[in-house]
Protein backbone atom coordinates (compact mmCIF):
# COMPACT_ATOMS: atom_id res chain seq x y z
CA MET A 1 0.00 0.00 0.00
CA ASN A 2 1.22 3.48 -0.89
CA ILE A 3 -0.12 6.73 0.64
CA LEU A 4 0.58 10.03 -1.13
CA ASN A 5 -0.08 13.31 0.65
CA CYS A 6 -1.84 15.66 -1.79
CA THR A 7 -2.32 18.51 0.71
CA PRO A 8 -0.01 21.54 0.95
CA HIS A 9 1.33 20.55 4.39
CA PRO A 10 2.75 17.46 6.12
CA ILE A 11 0.27 15.06 7.75
CA ASN A 12 1.24 13.22 10.95
CA PHE A 13 -0.53 9.92 11.54
CA GLU A 14 -0.51 8.36 15.01
CA ALA A 15 -1.01 4.59 15.02
CA SER A 16 -2.86 2.82 17.83
CA ASN A 17 0.50 1.83 19.37
CA GLY A 18 1.57 5.52 19.55
CA ASP A 19 4.02 5.43 16.64
CA VAL A 20 3.81 8.57 14.48
CA THR A 21 4.39 8.51 10.73
CA GLU A 22 4.77 11.75 8.79
CA PHE A 23 3.40 11.92 5.28
CA PRO A 24 5.36 14.82 3.78
CA TYR A 25 4.00 17.30 1.26
CA SER A 26 4.27 15.59 -2.15
CA GLY A 27 4.19 18.72 -4.31
CA ILE A 28 0.86 17.60 -5.79
CA VAL A 29 -2.12 19.69 -4.67
CA PRO A 30 -5.29 19.01 -6.65
CA ARG A 31 -8.02 21.64 -6.58
CA VAL A 32 -11.76 21.72 -7.23
CA SER A 33 -13.75 24.77 -8.24
CA MET A 34 -17.02 25.54 -6.49
CA GLU A 35 -20.02 27.67 -7.24
CA TYR A 36 -22.95 28.40 -4.97
CA THR A 37 -26.69 28.59 -5.53
CA GLU A 38 -28.05 31.08 -3.03
CA MET A 39 -31.49 31.37 -1.48
CA ASP A 40 -32.76 34.19 0.73
CA VAL A 41 -35.31 33.00 3.29
CA ASP A 42 -36.69 35.80 5.42
CA GLY A 43 -33.43 37.73 5.21
CA ILE A 44 -31.22 34.72 5.97
CA LEU A 45 -28.95 33.67 3.12
CA PHE A 46 -28.50 29.94 2.47
CA SER A 47 -25.86 28.69 0.04
CA ARG A 48 -25.80 25.30 -1.68
CA PRO A 49 -22.42 24.27 -3.13
CA LYS A 50 -21.99 22.84 -6.61
CA TYR A 51 -18.60 21.29 -7.33
CA GLY A 52 -16.97 22.08 -10.64
CA GLU A 53 -13.80 21.11 -12.44
CA VAL A 54 -11.10 19.15 -10.62
CA ILE A 55 -7.54 19.93 -11.68
CA GLY A 56 -4.27 18.23 -10.75
CA LEU A 57 -5.72 15.01 -9.30
CA PRO A 58 -3.58 11.98 -10.18
CA LYS A 59 -5.32 9.11 -11.95
CA TYR A 60 -6.50 6.14 -9.94
CA GLU A 61 -3.72 3.63 -9.25
CA GLU A 62 -4.44 0.28 -7.59
CA GLY A 63 -2.89 0.12 -4.10
CA THR A 64 -2.34 3.88 -3.78
CA TYR A 65 -4.33 6.18 -1.51
CA LEU A 66 -4.27 9.96 -1.86
CA ILE A 67 -4.65 12.22 1.19
CA VAL A 68 -6.79 15.16 0.03
CA SER A 69 -9.09 17.84 1.42
CA ARG A 70 -12.61 16.84 2.45
CA MET A 71 -14.03 19.17 -0.21
CA LEU A 72 -12.08 17.49 -3.00
CA ALA A 73 -12.90 13.98 -1.78
CA THR A 74 -16.61 14.85 -1.61
CA ALA A 75 -16.55 16.28 -5.13
CA CYS A 76 -14.82 13.26 -6.68
CA ASN A 77 -16.40 10.18 -5.04
CA ARG A 78 -13.35 7.95 -5.52
CA SER A 79 -12.42 5.07 -3.22
CA ASP A 80 -8.71 5.98 -3.25
CA LEU A 81 -9.22 9.45 -1.72
CA ILE A 82 -8.77 9.66 2.05
CA VAL A 83 -9.20 12.51 4.52
CA PRO A 84 -7.50 12.85 7.93
CA CYS A 85 -9.87 12.51 10.91
CA LYS A 86 -9.90 11.75 14.67
CA PHE A 87 -7.38 14.48 15.49
CA LYS A 88 -5.01 14.66 18.44
CA ARG A 89 -4.62 18.28 19.57
CA ASP A 90 -2.19 20.08 21.86
CA HIS A 91 -3.25 22.15 24.89
CA ASN A 92 -3.93 25.15 22.61
CA GLY A 93 -6.17 23.13 20.28
CA ALA A 94 -3.67 22.93 17.40
CA ILE A 95 -3.75 19.64 15.49
CA GLN A 96 -0.71 17.47 16.20
CA SER A 97 -1.72 14.31 14.33
CA CYS A 98 -4.63 12.29 13.06
CA LYS A 99 -5.50 8.82 14.30
CA SER A 100 -7.55 7.72 11.31
CA PHE A 101 -8.22 8.36 7.64
CA GLN A 102 -11.79 8.59 6.41
CA VAL A 103 -12.71 6.99 3.10
CA MET A 104 -15.25 9.27 1.45
CA SER A 105 -16.93 7.00 -1.09
């Protein structure tokens, strides 16, 4: 299994035994455009997102998982896209690591 970090910053993963693995920035940062449909209900604005074109996302490769943003994973619905979750935070609330990856499709 290969995991490629497609976010613009390193991701630290903490295994159940406490070992931490860093997934460094790969240099690949796919993006997705977004437009909104807006509705005004009694002066309160509601926005519904519509995902557009995805650029820079590597093609699917068997055995490889790509760490991406939640927005991109939601827009693409691919089984190889994973999102960090279950965060470990320091005393100031800053994320130190994740303890799991969420599969979005």
